[in-house]
């Protein structure tokens, strides 16, 4: 079968990873038939995914990596995964933000993508414990210079995690004294049983403070986070107002999660198609 030039490497690798996770392992010849690409292309994709640490190559194919509940990938490792889904989620979530709002963005690669989408929303006050998120707004100001309506950014102090979030008592104390209209929360894992979870105990406590200080909580999470459980839970699904996710979330999962929170918004789907209470 001829090489499929219409499928970007990023999209192809996302499909491969989904297939490996769903089936518990795949063979190279199965992937070549499914994707319509050469054996060499599939092997290059498997090599790239193995370097990212998200699957393990075995003779003739690949299997998932069994991660411990305490494993926390670094920001760079996570930022290369599900790029299209994260951009779609970020654009959709940005539509929930009104000019002049006081919002908070937690650490994470999806909230990092969201920060880029919020640069043109005027008069925001942005509270964040993410060094990366703060850098997005500061870099925009350095590039364009002082401008009317630019966001005011409040970066909490704290101890830096592998995902470039600031956590610990300093961050917790700063957040506890603040109140914001909307919290956009990235998560390591989300499930009915464990709620929202993270492998980092200190980050879990800081996220609890963020949830407590917010009038509304919006979780931004692509479909691969569903069913993942980290070491520490920090919020139940009932504490979430809105989940913004991508179309890769299965219908069964959408139905299950909709029983526990007010609203699900699926990026790329019309409001009538979204599942709401």
Foldseek 3Di string as FASTA:
>chain_A
DAADPVADLQNLLLVQLVVQVVVQWDFLVVSCVVRVHDSVSSVVSVVVVVVLVQWADDVGTIGGDDDALLDDAAQVSQLSHPVVFLLLLLLVVLVVDAAQFEEEEEFDNSSLSNLLNNQPRFNYEYEYQAPSSVCNLVVVCVVVPDDHRRYHYHHFAADQDSHRGHFDDRLLVVLLVAAGAEYEYEAQAAEQVQGGAHSDPRSLSSVLSNLVRYPAYEYEYEQVRYPRHHPHRNDHLLSHAEYEYEPVNDPVRQVVSQVRYAWYHYRPDDPVPTDGD
